[in-house]
Amino acid sequence: MTKIKEILISLRAVTPATWVRLVMLIASVIGVAVRLFGGDFSAENEEAVKDVAAIVVLVITSAAAYWKNNSFTEAAQAADSILAALKRNK
């Protein structure tokens, strides 16, 4: 029970931008899965363009989500604070 409480406390300190990146990543994965597995697999040019566009959006949002430092744990958030303090003191 204590571990769950620690996790919930850590999640409260996660920045809104991190949550937005996570939501966008999940939405992209769902969108690509629906498009690829729920759609019609016809060989029309328009369909192929939509499939490629869905994959490009997935790749871009995945890269953006993982390029940024997504500090979900308390230790990572503490490290971010130390890094920010070091950058300010330069």
C-alpha atoms as a PDB file:
ATOM      1  CA  MET A   1       0.000   0.000   0.000  1.00  0.00           C
ATOM      2  CA  THR A   2       2.888   2.353   0.742  1.00  0.00           C
ATOM      3  CA  LYS A   3       4.394   1.717  -2.691  1.00  0.00           C
ATOM      4  CA  ILE A   4       1.107   2.653  -4.391  1.00  0.00           C
ATOM      5  CA  LYS A   5       0.963   5.851  -2.356  1.00  0.00           C
ATOM      6  CA  GLU A   6       4.542   6.718  -3.405  1.00  0.00           C
ATOM      7  CA  ILE A   7       3.684   6.124  -7.068  1.00  0.00           C
ATOM      8  CA  LEU A   8       0.608   8.356  -6.861  1.00  0.00           C
ATOM      9  CA  ILE A   9       2.639  11.119  -5.202  1.00  0.00           C
ATOM     10  CA  SER A  10       5.261  10.872  -7.957  1.00  0.00           C
ATOM     11  CA  LEU A  11       2.612  11.063 -10.677  1.00  0.00           C
ATOM     12  CA  ARG A  12       1.230  14.315  -9.255  1.00  0.00           C
ATOM     13  CA  ALA A  13       4.549  16.019  -9.966  1.00  0.00           C
ATOM     14  CA  VAL A  14       4.656  14.967 -13.626  1.00  0.00           C
ATOM     15  CA  THR A  15       4.457  18.015 -15.883  1.00  0.00           C
ATOM     16  CA  PRO A  16       1.383  18.633 -18.042  1.00  0.00           C
ATOM     17  CA  ALA A  17       3.550  18.563 -21.174  1.00  0.00           C
ATOM     18  CA  THR A  18       4.620  15.017 -20.327  1.00  0.00           C
ATOM     19  CA  TRP A  19       0.988  13.932 -19.977  1.00  0.00           C
ATOM     20  CA  VAL A  20       0.128  15.578 -23.306  1.00  0.00           C
ATOM     21  CA  ARG A  21       2.976  13.731 -25.053  1.00  0.00           C
ATOM     22  CA  LEU A  22       1.802  10.450 -23.517  1.00  0.00           C
ATOM     23  CA  VAL A  23      -1.808  11.022 -24.601  1.00  0.00           C
ATOM     24  CA  MET A  24      -0.709  11.949 -28.131  1.00  0.00           C
ATOM     25  CA  LEU A  25       1.439   8.825 -28.348  1.00  0.00           C
ATOM     26  CA  ILE A  26      -1.421   6.601 -27.187  1.00  0.00           C
ATOM     27  CA  ALA A  27      -3.848   8.292 -29.594  1.00  0.00           C
ATOM     28  CA  SER A  28      -1.403   7.797 -32.471  1.00  0.00           C
ATOM     29  CA  VAL A  29      -0.912   4.123 -31.701  1.00  0.00           C
ATOM     30  CA  ILE A  30      -4.679   3.591 -31.463  1.00  0.00           C
ATOM     31  CA  GLY A  31      -5.220   5.511 -34.696  1.00  0.00           C
ATOM     32  CA  VAL A  32      -2.665   3.455 -36.592  1.00  0.00           C
ATOM     33  CA  ALA A  33      -4.015   0.193 -35.157  1.00  0.00           C
ATOM     34  CA  VAL A  34      -7.563   1.077 -36.177  1.00  0.00           C
ATOM     35  CA  ARG A  35      -6.426   2.220 -39.589  1.00  0.00           C
ATOM     36  CA  LEU A  36      -4.322  -0.861 -40.290  1.00  0.00           C
ATOM     37  CA  PHE A  37      -6.427  -3.580 -38.659  1.00  0.00           C
ATOM     38  CA  GLY A  38      -9.931  -2.145 -38.751  1.00  0.00           C
ATOM     39  CA  GLY A  39      -9.924  -0.672 -42.213  1.00  0.00           C
ATOM     40  CA  ASP A  40     -10.392  -2.121 -45.642  1.00  0.00           C
ATOM     41  CA  PHE A  41      -7.162  -3.477 -47.145  1.00  0.00           C
ATOM     42  CA  SER A  42      -7.873  -2.326 -50.678  1.00  0.00           C
ATOM     43  CA  ALA A  43      -5.093  -1.348 -53.073  1.00  0.00           C
ATOM     44  CA  GLU A  44      -6.536   2.066 -53.896  1.00  0.00           C
ATOM     45  CA  ASN A  45      -4.036   4.916 -53.996  1.00  0.00           C
ATOM     46  CA  GLU A  46      -6.057   7.048 -51.555  1.00  0.00           C
ATOM     47  CA  GLU A  47      -6.064   4.255 -49.001  1.00  0.00           C
ATOM     48  CA  ALA A  48      -2.306   3.787 -49.292  1.00  0.00           C
ATOM     49  CA  VAL A  49      -1.743   7.506 -48.730  1.00  0.00           C
ATOM     50  CA  LYS A  50      -3.894   7.400 -45.579  1.00  0.00           C
ATOM     51  CA  ASP A  51      -1.948   4.408 -44.262  1.00  0.00           C
ATOM     52  CA  VAL A  52       1.378   6.127 -44.880  1.00  0.00           C
ATOM     53  CA  ALA A  53       0.100   9.338 -43.251  1.00  0.00           C
ATOM     54  CA  ALA A  54      -1.013   7.413 -40.166  1.00  0.00           C
ATOM     55  CA  ILE A  55       2.388   5.756 -39.851  1.00  0.00           C
ATOM     56  CA  VAL A  56       4.212   9.091 -40.316  1.00  0.00           C
ATOM     57  CA  VAL A  57       2.111  10.680 -37.552  1.00  0.00           C
ATOM     58  CA  LEU A  58       2.865   7.717 -35.302  1.00  0.00           C
ATOM     59  CA  VAL A  59       6.605   7.978 -35.922  1.00  0.00           C
ATOM     60  CA  ILE A  60       6.653  11.755 -35.319  1.00  0.00           C
ATOM     61  CA  THR A  61       4.654  11.600 -32.091  1.00  0.00           C
ATOM     62  CA  SER A  62       6.687   8.640 -30.843  1.00  0.00           C
ATOM     63  CA  ALA A  63       9.929  10.487 -31.473  1.00  0.00           C
ATOM     64  CA  ALA A  64       8.607  13.632 -29.784  1.00  0.00           C
ATOM     65  CA  ALA A  65       7.346  11.667 -26.796  1.00  0.00           C
ATOM     66  CA  TYR A  66      10.642   9.947 -26.188  1.00  0.00           C
ATOM     67  CA  TRP A  67      12.984  12.767 -27.194  1.00  0.00           C
ATOM     68  CA  LYS A  68      11.806  14.833 -24.275  1.00  0.00           C
ATOM     69  CA  ASN A  69      12.708  13.769 -20.752  1.00  0.00           C
ATOM     70  CA  ASN A  70       9.570  12.078 -19.441  1.00  0.00           C
ATOM     71  CA  SER A  71      10.242  12.041 -15.715  1.00  0.00           C
ATOM     72  CA  PHE A  72       7.557   9.874 -14.154  1.00  0.00           C
ATOM     73  CA  THR A  73       9.509   8.621 -11.135  1.00  0.00           C
ATOM     74  CA  GLU A  74      10.414  10.622  -8.044  1.00  0.00           C
ATOM     75  CA  ALA A  75      14.120   9.947  -8.608  1.00  0.00           C
ATOM     76  CA  ALA A  76      13.952  11.253 -12.180  1.00  0.00           C
ATOM     77  CA  GLN A  77      12.096  14.363 -11.049  1.00  0.00           C
ATOM     78  CA  ALA A  78      14.738  14.982  -8.372  1.00  0.00           C
ATOM     79  CA  ALA A  79      17.467  14.576 -10.982  1.00  0.00           C
ATOM     80  CA  ASP A  80      15.669  17.120 -13.201  1.00  0.00           C
ATOM     81  CA  SER A  81      15.632  19.595 -10.311  1.00  0.00           C
ATOM     82  CA  ILE A  82      19.352  19.121  -9.697  1.00  0.00           C
ATOM     83  CA  LEU A  83      20.119  19.513 -13.404  1.00  0.00           C
ATOM     84  CA  ALA A  84      18.041  22.705 -13.594  1.00  0.00           C
ATOM     85  CA  ALA A  85      19.871  24.119 -10.554  1.00  0.00           C
ATOM     86  CA  LEU A  86      23.232  23.301 -12.099  1.00  0.00           C
ATOM     87  CA  LYS A  87      22.237  25.014 -15.354  1.00  0.00           C
ATOM     88  CA  ARG A  88      21.138  28.134 -13.467  1.00  0.00           C
ATOM     89  CA  ASN A  89      24.482  28.355 -11.625  1.00  0.00           C
ATOM     90  CA  LYS A  90      26.605  28.329 -14.795  1.00  0.00           C
END
